[in-house]
Amino acid sequence: GWFRRAPGKEREFVAAITWSGGRT
């Protein structure tokens, strides 16, 4: 997965992918 943390913000989810099937 990808997460991000903006200045002054909590870390938030961006995107994810399953390794086997590639579901996003």
mmCIF file of all heavy atoms, coordinates in Angstrom:
data_MODEL
# 
_entry.id   MODEL 
# 
loop_
_atom_site.group_PDB 
_atom_site.id 
_atom_site.type_symbol 
_atom_site.label_atom_id 
_atom_site.label_alt_id 
_atom_site.label_comp_id 
_atom_site.label_asym_id 
_atom_site.label_entity_id 
_atom_site.label_seq_id 
_atom_site.pdbx_PDB_ins_code 
_atom_site.Cartn_x 
_atom_site.Cartn_y 
_atom_site.Cartn_z 
_atom_site.occupancy 
_atom_site.B_iso_or_equiv 
_atom_site.pdbx_formal_charge 
_atom_site.auth_seq_id 
_atom_site.auth_comp_id 
_atom_site.auth_asym_id 
_atom_site.auth_atom_id 
_atom_site.pdbx_PDB_model_num 
ATOM 1   N N   . GLY A 1 1  ? 0.805   -1.203  0.000  1.00 0.00 ? 1  GLY A N   1 
ATOM 2   C CA  . GLY A 1 1  ? 0.000   0.000   0.000  1.00 0.00 ? 1  GLY A CA  1 
ATOM 3   C C   . GLY A 1 1  ? 0.839   1.253   0.000  1.00 0.00 ? 1  GLY A C   1 
ATOM 4   O O   . GLY A 1 1  ? 2.049   1.226   0.259  1.00 0.00 ? 1  GLY A O   1 
ATOM 5   N N   . TRP A 1 2  ? 0.178   2.341   -0.317 1.00 0.00 ? 2  TRP A N   1 
ATOM 6   C CA  . TRP A 1 2  ? 0.763   3.668   -0.220 1.00 0.00 ? 2  TRP A CA  1 
ATOM 7   C C   . TRP A 1 2  ? -0.042  4.484   0.778  1.00 0.00 ? 2  TRP A C   1 
ATOM 8   O O   . TRP A 1 2  ? -1.282  4.518   0.719  1.00 0.00 ? 2  TRP A O   1 
ATOM 9   C CB  . TRP A 1 2  ? 0.756   4.387   -1.566 1.00 0.00 ? 2  TRP A CB  1 
ATOM 10  C CG  . TRP A 1 2  ? 1.731   3.848   -2.563 1.00 0.00 ? 2  TRP A CG  1 
ATOM 11  C CD1 . TRP A 1 2  ? 1.491   2.961   -3.557 1.00 0.00 ? 2  TRP A CD1 1 
ATOM 12  C CD2 . TRP A 1 2  ? 3.113   4.187   -2.653 1.00 0.00 ? 2  TRP A CD2 1 
ATOM 13  N NE1 . TRP A 1 2  ? 2.632   2.721   -4.274 1.00 0.00 ? 2  TRP A NE1 1 
ATOM 14  C CE2 . TRP A 1 2  ? 3.646   3.460   -3.740 1.00 0.00 ? 2  TRP A CE2 1 
ATOM 15  C CE3 . TRP A 1 2  ? 3.952   5.036   -1.924 1.00 0.00 ? 2  TRP A CE3 1 
ATOM 16  C CZ2 . TRP A 1 2  ? 4.993   3.552   -4.119 1.00 0.00 ? 2  TRP A CZ2 1 
ATOM 17  C CZ3 . TRP A 1 2  ? 5.287   5.126   -2.296 1.00 0.00 ? 2  TRP A CZ3 1 
ATOM 18  C CH2 . TRP A 1 2  ? 5.790   4.386   -3.378 1.00 0.00 ? 2  TRP A CH2 1 
ATOM 19  N N   . PHE A 1 3  ? 0.661   5.128   1.673  1.00 0.00 ? 3  PHE A N   1 
ATOM 20  C CA  . PHE A 1 3  ? 0.076   6.060   2.621  1.00 0.00 ? 3  PHE A CA  1 
ATOM 21  C C   . PHE A 1 3  ? 0.816   7.380   2.505  1.00 0.00 ? 3  PHE A C   1 
ATOM 22  O O   . PHE A 1 3  ? 1.926   7.436   1.974  1.00 0.00 ? 3  PHE A O   1 
ATOM 23  C CB  . PHE A 1 3  ? 0.172   5.522   4.048  1.00 0.00 ? 3  PHE A CB  1 
ATOM 24  C CG  . PHE A 1 3  ? -0.706  4.329   4.305  1.00 0.00 ? 3  PHE A CG  1 
ATOM 25  C CD1 . PHE A 1 3  ? -0.344  3.067   3.868  1.00 0.00 ? 3  PHE A CD1 1 
ATOM 26  C CD2 . PHE A 1 3  ? -1.900  4.473   4.992  1.00 0.00 ? 3  PHE A CD2 1 
ATOM 27  C CE1 . PHE A 1 3  ? -1.149  1.969   4.093  1.00 0.00 ? 3  PHE A CE1 1 
ATOM 28  C CE2 . PHE A 1 3  ? -2.718  3.383   5.231  1.00 0.00 ? 3  PHE A CE2 1 
ATOM 29  C CZ  . PHE A 1 3  ? -2.343  2.134   4.777  1.00 0.00 ? 3  PHE A CZ  1 
ATOM 30  N N   . ARG A 1 4  ? 0.208   8.419   3.015  1.00 0.00 ? 4  ARG A N   1 
ATOM 31  C CA  . ARG A 1 4  ? 0.878   9.712   2.987  1.00 0.00 ? 4  ARG A CA  1 
ATOM 32  C C   . ARG A 1 4  ? 0.577   10.484  4.266  1.00 0.00 ? 4  ARG A C   1 
ATOM 33  O O   . ARG A 1 4  ? -0.453  10.291  4.899  1.00 0.00 ? 4  ARG A O   1 
ATOM 34  C CB  . ARG A 1 4  ? 0.455   10.533  1.762  1.00 0.00 ? 4  ARG A CB  1 
ATOM 35  C CG  . ARG A 1 4  ? -1.006  10.968  1.760  1.00 0.00 ? 4  ARG A CG  1 
ATOM 36  C CD  . ARG A 1 4  ? -1.365  11.614  0.431  1.00 0.00 ? 4  ARG A CD  1 
ATOM 37  N NE  . ARG A 1 4  ? -2.734  12.098  0.414  1.00 0.00 ? 4  ARG A NE  1 
ATOM 38  C CZ  . ARG A 1 4  ? -3.348  12.574  -0.658 1.00 0.00 ? 4  ARG A CZ  1 
ATOM 39  N NH1 . ARG A 1 4  ? -2.700  12.639  -1.818 1.00 0.00 ? 4  ARG A NH1 1 
ATOM 40  N NH2 . ARG A 1 4  ? -4.607  12.985  -0.575 1.00 0.00 ? 4  ARG A NH2 1 
ATOM 41  N N   . ARG A 1 5  ? 1.514   11.355  4.610  1.00 0.00 ? 5  ARG A N   1 
ATOM 42  C CA  . ARG A 1 5  ? 1.347   12.236  5.747  1.00 0.00 ? 5  ARG A CA  1 
ATOM 43  C C   . ARG A 1 5  ? 1.649   13.663  5.313  1.00 0.00 ? 5  ARG A C   1 
ATOM 44  O O   . ARG A 1 5  ? 2.788   13.982  4.969  1.00 0.00 ? 5  ARG A O   1 
ATOM 45  C CB  . ARG A 1 5  ? 2.259   11.839  6.899  1.00 0.00 ? 5  ARG A CB  1 
ATOM 46  C CG  . ARG A 1 5  ? 1.889   12.527  8.213  1.00 0.00 ? 5  ARG A CG  1 
ATOM 47  C CD  . ARG A 1 5  ? 3.000   12.422  9.242  1.00 0.00 ? 5  ARG A CD  1 
ATOM 48  N NE  . ARG A 1 5  ? 3.465   11.070  9.450  1.00 0.00 ? 5  ARG A NE  1 
ATOM 49  C CZ  . ARG A 1 5  ? 2.934   10.205  10.307 1.00 0.00 ? 5  ARG A CZ  1 
ATOM 50  N NH1 . ARG A 1 5  ? 1.885   10.542  11.041 1.00 0.00 ? 5  ARG A NH1 1 
ATOM 51  N NH2 . ARG A 1 5  ? 3.455   8.992   10.439 1.00 0.00 ? 5  ARG A NH2 1 
ATOM 52  N N   . ALA A 1 6  ? 0.629   14.478  5.311  1.00 0.00 ? 6  ALA A N   1 
ATOM 53  C CA  . ALA A 1 6  ? 0.783   15.889  4.995  1.00 0.00 ? 6  ALA A CA  1 
ATOM 54  C C   . ALA A 1 6  ? 1.181   16.645  6.253  1.00 0.00 ? 6  ALA A C   1 
ATOM 55  O O   . ALA A 1 6  ? 0.927   16.183  7.376  1.00 0.00 ? 6  ALA A O   1 
ATOM 56  C CB  . ALA A 1 6  ? -0.513  16.444  4.419  1.00 0.00 ? 6  ALA A CB  1 
ATOM 57  N N   . PRO A 1 7  ? 1.784   17.816  6.092  1.00 0.00 ? 7  PRO A N   1 
ATOM 58  C CA  . PRO A 1 7  ? 2.173   18.601  7.263  1.00 0.00 ? 7  PRO A CA  1 
ATOM 59  C C   . PRO A 1 7  ? 0.992   18.868  8.187  1.00 0.00 ? 7  PRO A C   1 
ATOM 60  O O   . PRO A 1 7  ? -0.064  19.332  7.756  1.00 0.00 ? 7  PRO A O   1 
ATOM 61  C CB  . PRO A 1 7  ? 2.702   19.901  6.656  1.00 0.00 ? 7  PRO A CB  1 
ATOM 62  C CG  . PRO A 1 7  ? 3.168   19.509  5.294  1.00 0.00 ? 7  PRO A CG  1 
ATOM 63  C CD  . PRO A 1 7  ? 2.196   18.466  4.837  1.00 0.00 ? 7  PRO A CD  1 
ATOM 64  N N   . GLY A 1 8  ? 1.168   18.555  9.454  1.00 0.00 ? 8  GLY A N   1 
ATOM 65  C CA  . GLY A 1 8  ? 0.130   18.779  10.436 1.00 0.00 ? 8  GLY A CA  1 
ATOM 66  C C   . GLY A 1 8  ? -1.032  17.820  10.379 1.00 0.00 ? 8  GLY A C   1 
ATOM 67  O O   . GLY A 1 8  ? -2.017  18.019  11.099 1.00 0.00 ? 8  GLY A O   1 
ATOM 68  N N   . LYS A 1 9  ? -0.938  16.788  9.557  1.00 0.00 ? 9  LYS A N   1 
ATOM 69  C CA  . LYS A 1 9  ? -2.026  15.838  9.397  1.00 0.00 ? 9  LYS A CA  1 
ATOM 70  C C   . LYS A 1 9  ? -1.598  14.436  9.817  1.00 0.00 ? 9  LYS A C   1 
ATOM 71  O O   . LYS A 1 9  ? -0.408  14.132  9.910  1.00 0.00 ? 9  LYS A O   1 
ATOM 72  C CB  . LYS A 1 9  ? -2.500  15.801  7.940  1.00 0.00 ? 9  LYS A CB  1 
ATOM 73  C CG  . LYS A 1 9  ? -2.975  17.128  7.386  1.00 0.00 ? 9  LYS A CG  1 
ATOM 74  C CD  . LYS A 1 9  ? -4.272  17.565  8.031  1.00 0.00 ? 9  LYS A CD  1 
ATOM 75  C CE  . LYS A 1 9  ? -4.805  18.815  7.375  1.00 0.00 ? 9  LYS A CE  1 
ATOM 76  N NZ  . LYS A 1 9  ? -6.088  19.239  7.977  1.00 0.00 ? 9  LYS A NZ  1 
ATOM 77  N N   . GLU A 1 10 ? -2.582  13.597  10.059 1.00 0.00 ? 10 GLU A N   1 
ATOM 78  C CA  . GLU A 1 10 ? -2.323  12.194  10.335 1.00 0.00 ? 10 GLU A CA  1 
ATOM 79  C C   . GLU A 1 10 ? -2.025  11.447  9.045  1.00 0.00 ? 10 GLU A C   1 
ATOM 80  O O   . GLU A 1 10 ? -2.403  11.876  7.952  1.00 0.00 ? 10 GLU A O   1 
ATOM 81  C CB  . GLU A 1 10 ? -3.514  11.560  11.044 1.00 0.00 ? 10 GLU A CB  1 
ATOM 82  C CG  . GLU A 1 10 ? -3.832  12.145  12.405 1.00 0.00 ? 10 GLU A CG  1 
ATOM 83  C CD  . GLU A 1 10 ? -2.734  11.875  13.398 1.00 0.00 ? 10 GLU A CD  1 
ATOM 84  O OE1 . GLU A 1 10 ? -2.183  10.761  13.407 1.00 0.00 ? 10 GLU A OE1 1 
ATOM 85  O OE2 . GLU A 1 10 ? -2.419  12.787  14.181 1.00 0.00 ? 10 GLU A OE2 1 
ATOM 86  N N   . ARG A 1 11 ? -1.351  10.345  9.181  1.00 0.00 ? 11 ARG A N   1 
ATOM 87  C CA  . ARG A 1 11 ? -1.087  9.505   8.024  1.00 0.00 ? 11 ARG A CA  1 
ATOM 88  C C   . ARG A 1 11 ? -2.404  8.962   7.475  1.00 0.00 ? 11 ARG A C   1 
ATOM 89  O O   . ARG A 1 11 ? -3.269  8.511   8.235  1.00 0.00 ? 11 ARG A O   1 
ATOM 90  C CB  . ARG A 1 11 ? -0.159  8.359   8.414  1.00 0.00 ? 11 ARG A CB  1 
ATOM 91  C CG  . ARG A 1 11 ? 0.283   7.491   7.263  1.00 0.00 ? 11 ARG A CG  1 
ATOM 92  C CD  . ARG A 1 11 ? 1.459   6.623   7.665  1.00 0.00 ? 11 ARG A CD  1 
ATOM 93  N NE  . ARG A 1 11 ? 1.158   5.786   8.804  1.00 0.00 ? 11 ARG A NE  1 
ATOM 94  C CZ  . ARG A 1 11 ? 2.068   5.101   9.479  1.00 0.00 ? 11 ARG A CZ  1 
ATOM 95  N NH1 . ARG A 1 11 ? 3.350   5.174   9.130  1.00 0.00 ? 11 ARG A NH1 1 
ATOM 96  N NH2 . ARG A 1 11 ? 1.695   4.350   10.509 1.00 0.00 ? 11 ARG A NH2 1 
ATOM 97  N N   . GLU A 1 12 ? -2.560  8.995   6.165  1.00 0.00 ? 12 GLU A N   1 
ATOM 98  C CA  . GLU A 1 12 ? -3.790  8.552   5.550  1.00 0.00 ? 12 GLU A CA  1 
ATOM 99  C C   . GLU A 1 12 ? -3.529  7.592   4.401  1.00 0.00 ? 12 GLU A C   1 
ATOM 100 O O   . GLU A 1 12 ? -2.490  7.646   3.733  1.00 0.00 ? 12 GLU A O   1 
ATOM 101 C CB  . GLU A 1 12 ? -4.616  9.740   5.048  1.00 0.00 ? 12 GLU A CB  1 
ATOM 102 C CG  . GLU A 1 12 ? -3.987  10.501  3.893  1.00 0.00 ? 12 GLU A CG  1 
ATOM 103 C CD  . GLU A 1 12 ? -4.900  11.567  3.317  1.00 0.00 ? 12 GLU A CD  1 
ATOM 104 O OE1 . GLU A 1 12 ? -6.095  11.594  3.661  1.00 0.00 ? 12 GLU A OE1 1 
ATOM 105 O OE2 . GLU A 1 12 ? -4.411  12.383  2.512  1.00 0.00 ? 12 GLU A OE2 1 
ATOM 106 N N   . PHE A 1 13 ? -4.489  6.743   4.175  1.00 0.00 ? 13 PHE A N   1 
ATOM 107 C CA  . PHE A 1 13 ? -4.426  5.767   3.108  1.00 0.00 ? 13 PHE A CA  1 
ATOM 108 C C   . PHE A 1 13 ? -4.528  6.436   1.751  1.00 0.00 ? 13 PHE A C   1 
ATOM 109 O O   . PHE A 1 13 ? -5.309  7.376   1.566  1.00 0.00 ? 13 PHE A O   1 
ATOM 110 C CB  . PHE A 1 13 ? -5.563  4.757   3.275  1.00 0.00 ? 13 PHE A CB  1 
ATOM 111 C CG  . PHE A 1 13 ? -5.741  3.836   2.109  1.00 0.00 ? 13 PHE A CG  1 
ATOM 112 C CD1 . PHE A 1 13 ? -4.875  2.764   1.911  1.00 0.00 ? 13 PHE A CD1 1 
ATOM 113 C CD2 . PHE A 1 13 ? -6.777  4.017   1.219  1.00 0.00 ? 13 PHE A CD2 1 
ATOM 114 C CE1 . PHE A 1 13 ? -5.041  1.909   0.842  1.00 0.00 ? 13 PHE A CE1 1 
ATOM 115 C CE2 . PHE A 1 13 ? -6.957  3.165   0.148  1.00 0.00 ? 13 PHE A CE2 1 
ATOM 116 C CZ  . PHE A 1 13 ? -6.083  2.113   -0.038 1.00 0.00 ? 13 PHE A CZ  1 
ATOM 117 N N   . VAL A 1 14 ? -3.750  5.932   0.791  1.00 0.00 ? 14 VAL A N   1 
ATOM 118 C CA  . VAL A 1 14 ? -3.795  6.429   -0.571 1.00 0.00 ? 14 VAL A CA  1 
ATOM 119 C C   . VAL A 1 14 ? -4.248  5.344   -1.535 1.00 0.00 ? 14 VAL A C   1 
ATOM 120 O O   . VAL A 1 14 ? -5.216  5.519   -2.282 1.00 0.00 ? 14 VAL A O   1 
ATOM 121 C CB  . VAL A 1 14 ? -2.427  6.982   -1.016 1.00 0.00 ? 14 VAL A CB  1 
ATOM 122 C CG1 . VAL A 1 14 ? -2.476  7.425   -2.477 1.00 0.00 ? 14 VAL A CG1 1 
ATOM 123 C CG2 . VAL A 1 14 ? -2.001  8.133   -0.114 1.00 0.00 ? 14 VAL A CG2 1 
ATOM 124 N N   . ALA A 1 15 ? -3.548  4.218   -1.544 1.00 0.00 ? 15 ALA A N   1 
ATOM 125 C CA  . ALA A 1 15 ? -3.842  3.146   -2.486 1.00 0.00 ? 15 ALA A CA  1 
ATOM 126 C C   . ALA A 1 15 ? -3.244  1.856   -1.975 1.00 0.00 ? 15 ALA A C   1 
ATOM 127 O O   . ALA A 1 15 ? -2.318  1.856   -1.163 1.00 0.00 ? 15 ALA A O   1 
ATOM 128 C CB  . ALA A 1 15 ? -3.293  3.471   -3.880 1.00 0.00 ? 15 ALA A CB  1 
ATOM 129 N N   . ALA A 1 16 ? -3.759  0.739   -2.465 1.00 0.00 ? 16 ALA A N   1 
ATOM 130 C CA  . ALA A 1 16 ? -3.225  -0.571  -2.115 1.00 0.00 ? 16 ALA A CA  1 
ATOM 131 C C   . ALA A 1 16 ? -3.432  -1.522  -3.276 1.00 0.00 ? 16 ALA A C   1 
ATOM 132 O O   . ALA A 1 16 ? -4.306  -1.312  -4.129 1.00 0.00 ? 16 ALA A O   1 
ATOM 133 C CB  . ALA A 1 16 ? -3.885  -1.122  -0.855 1.00 0.00 ? 16 ALA A CB  1 
ATOM 134 N N   . ILE A 1 17 ? -2.630  -2.578  -3.297 1.00 0.00 ? 17 ILE A N   1 
ATOM 135 C CA  . ILE A 1 17 ? -2.735  -3.591  -4.332 1.00 0.00 ? 17 ILE A CA  1 
ATOM 136 C C   . ILE A 1 17 ? -2.420  -4.949  -3.736 1.00 0.00 ? 17 ILE A C   1 
ATOM 137 O O   . ILE A 1 17 ? -1.504  -5.078  -2.930 1.00 0.00 ? 17 ILE A O   1 
ATOM 138 C CB  . ILE A 1 17 ? -1.807  -3.266  -5.532 1.00 0.00 ? 17 ILE A CB  1 
ATOM 139 C CG1 . ILE A 1 17 ? -2.106  -4.172  -6.726 1.00 0.00 ? 17 ILE A CG1 1 
ATOM 140 C CG2 . ILE A 1 17 ? -0.336  -3.374  -5.128 1.00 0.00 ? 17 ILE A CG2 1 
ATOM 141 C CD1 . ILE A 1 17 ? -1.445  -3.700  -8.010 1.00 0.00 ? 17 ILE A CD1 1 
ATOM 142 N N   . THR A 1 18 ? -3.186  -5.962  -4.111 1.00 0.00 ? 18 THR A N   1 
ATOM 143 C CA  . THR A 1 18 ? -2.856  -7.315  -3.701 1.00 0.00 ? 18 THR A CA  1 
ATOM 144 C C   . THR A 1 18 ? -1.762  -7.850  -4.607 1.00 0.00 ? 18 THR A C   1 
ATOM 145 O O   . THR A 1 18 ? -1.748  -7.592  -5.816 1.00 0.00 ? 18 THR A O   1 
ATOM 146 C CB  . THR A 1 18 ? -4.080  -8.243  -3.748 1.00 0.00 ? 18 THR A CB  1 
ATOM 147 O OG1 . THR A 1 18 ? -4.614  -8.292  -5.078 1.00 0.00 ? 18 THR A OG1 1 
ATOM 148 C CG2 . THR A 1 18 ? -5.155  -7.767  -2.788 1.00 0.00 ? 18 THR A CG2 1 
ATOM 149 N N   . TRP A 1 19 ? -0.827  -8.571  -4.011 1.00 0.00 ? 19 TRP A N   1 
ATOM 150 C CA  . TRP A 1 19 ? 0.347   -9.001  -4.757 1.00 0.00 ? 19 TRP A CA  1 
ATOM 151 C C   . TRP A 1 19 ? 0.030   -10.058 -5.795 1.00 0.00 ? 19 TRP A C   1 
ATOM 152 O O   . TRP A 1 19 ? 0.541   -10.014 -6.908 1.00 0.00 ? 19 TRP A O   1 
ATOM 153 C CB  . TRP A 1 19 ? 1.424   -9.501  -3.801 1.00 0.00 ? 19 TRP A CB  1 
ATOM 154 C CG  . TRP A 1 19 ? 2.755   -9.612  -4.446 1.00 0.00 ? 19 TRP A CG  1 
ATOM 155 C CD1 . TRP A 1 19 ? 3.455   -10.745 -4.713 1.00 0.00 ? 19 TRP A CD1 1 
ATOM 156 C CD2 . TRP A 1 19 ? 3.555   -8.526  -4.918 1.00 0.00 ? 19 TRP A CD2 1 
ATOM 157 N NE1 . TRP A 1 19 ? 4.633   -10.444 -5.323 1.00 0.00 ? 19 TRP A NE1 1 
ATOM 158 C CE2 . TRP A 1 19 ? 4.734   -9.086  -5.458 1.00 0.00 ? 19 TRP A CE2 1 
ATOM 159 C CE3 . TRP A 1 19 ? 3.393   -7.136  -4.932 1.00 0.00 ? 19 TRP A CE3 1 
ATOM 160 C CZ2 . TRP A 1 19 ? 5.738   -8.297  -6.016 1.00 0.00 ? 19 TRP A CZ2 1 
ATOM 161 C CZ3 . TRP A 1 19 ? 4.392   -6.357  -5.483 1.00 0.00 ? 19 TRP A CZ3 1 
ATOM 162 C CH2 . TRP A 1 19 ? 5.544   -6.948  -6.020 1.00 0.00 ? 19 TRP A CH2 1 
ATOM 163 N N   . SER A 1 20 ? -0.813  -10.992 -5.432 1.00 0.00 ? 20 SER A N   1 
ATOM 164 C CA  . SER A 1 20 ? -1.116  -12.090 -6.331 1.00 0.00 ? 20 SER A CA  1 
ATOM 165 C C   . SER A 1 20 ? -2.046  -11.670 -7.463 1.00 0.00 ? 20 SER A C   1 
ATOM 166 O O   . SER A 1 20 ? -1.737  -11.870 -8.641 1.00 0.00 ? 20 SER A O   1 
ATOM 167 C CB  . SER A 1 20 ? -1.734  -13.246 -5.547 1.00 0.00 ? 20 SER A CB  1 
ATOM 168 O OG  . SER A 1 20 ? -2.069  -14.316 -6.410 1.00 0.00 ? 20 SER A OG  1 
ATOM 169 N N   . GLY A 1 21 ? -3.178  -11.093 -7.109 1.00 0.00 ? 21 GLY A N   1 
ATOM 170 C CA  . GLY A 1 21 ? -4.178  -10.798 -8.114 1.00 0.00 ? 21 GLY A CA  1 
ATOM 171 C C   . GLY A 1 21 ? -4.128  -9.407  -8.704 1.00 0.00 ? 21 GLY A C   1 
ATOM 172 O O   . GLY A 1 21 ? -4.737  -9.163  -9.749 1.00 0.00 ? 21 GLY A O   1 
ATOM 173 N N   . GLY A 1 22 ? -3.425  -8.499  -8.049 1.00 0.00 ? 22 GLY A N   1 
ATOM 174 C CA  . GLY A 1 22 ? -3.339  -7.148  -8.559 1.00 0.00 ? 22 GLY A CA  1 
ATOM 175 C C   . GLY A 1 22 ? -4.594  -6.320  -8.361 1.00 0.00 ? 22 GLY A C   1 
ATOM 176 O O   . GLY A 1 22 ? -4.789  -5.318  -9.060 1.00 0.00 ? 22 GLY A O   1 
ATOM 177 N N   . ARG A 1 23 ? -5.459  -6.714  -7.452 1.00 0.00 ? 23 ARG A N   1 
ATOM 178 C CA  . ARG A 1 23 ? -6.639  -5.913  -7.166 1.00 0.00 ? 23 ARG A CA  1 
ATOM 179 C C   . ARG A 1 23 ? -6.223  -4.625  -6.471 1.00 0.00 ? 23 ARG A C   1 
ATOM 180 O O   . ARG A 1 23 ? -5.418  -4.641  -5.546 1.00 0.00 ? 23 ARG A O   1 
ATOM 181 C CB  . ARG A 1 23 ? -7.614  -6.694  -6.289 1.00 0.00 ? 23 ARG A CB  1 
ATOM 182 C CG  . ARG A 1 23 ? -8.894  -5.949  -5.964 1.00 0.00 ? 23 ARG A CG  1 
ATOM 183 C CD  . ARG A 1 23 ? -9.792  -6.755  -5.062 1.00 0.00 ? 23 ARG A CD  1 
ATOM 184 N NE  . ARG A 1 23 ? -10.274 -7.966  -5.718 1.00 0.00 ? 23 ARG A NE  1 
ATOM 185 C CZ  . ARG A 1 23 ? -11.098 -8.834  -5.149 1.00 0.00 ? 23 ARG A CZ  1 
ATOM 186 N NH1 . ARG A 1 23 ? -11.525 -8.636  -3.908 1.00 0.00 ? 23 ARG A NH1 1 
ATOM 187 N NH2 . ARG A 1 23 ? -11.480 -9.910  -5.812 1.00 0.00 ? 23 ARG A NH2 1 
ATOM 188 N N   . THR A 1 24 ? -6.787  -3.526  -6.912 1.00 0.00 ? 24 THR A N   1 
ATOM 189 C CA  . THR A 1 24 ? -6.403  -2.224  -6.385 1.00 0.00 ? 24 THR A CA  1 
ATOM 190 C C   . THR A 1 24 ? -7.525  -1.576  -5.600 1.00 0.00 ? 24 THR A C   1 
ATOM 191 O O   . THR A 1 24 ? -8.708  -1.828  -5.833 1.00 0.00 ? 24 THR A O   1 
ATOM 192 C CB  . THR A 1 24 ? -5.968  -1.285  -7.513 1.00 0.00 ? 24 THR A CB  1 
ATOM 193 O OG1 . THR A 1 24 ? -6.985  -1.233  -8.517 1.00 0.00 ? 24 THR A OG1 1 
ATOM 194 C CG2 . THR A 1 24 ? -4.663  -1.753  -8.136 1.00 0.00 ? 24 THR A CG2 1 
# 
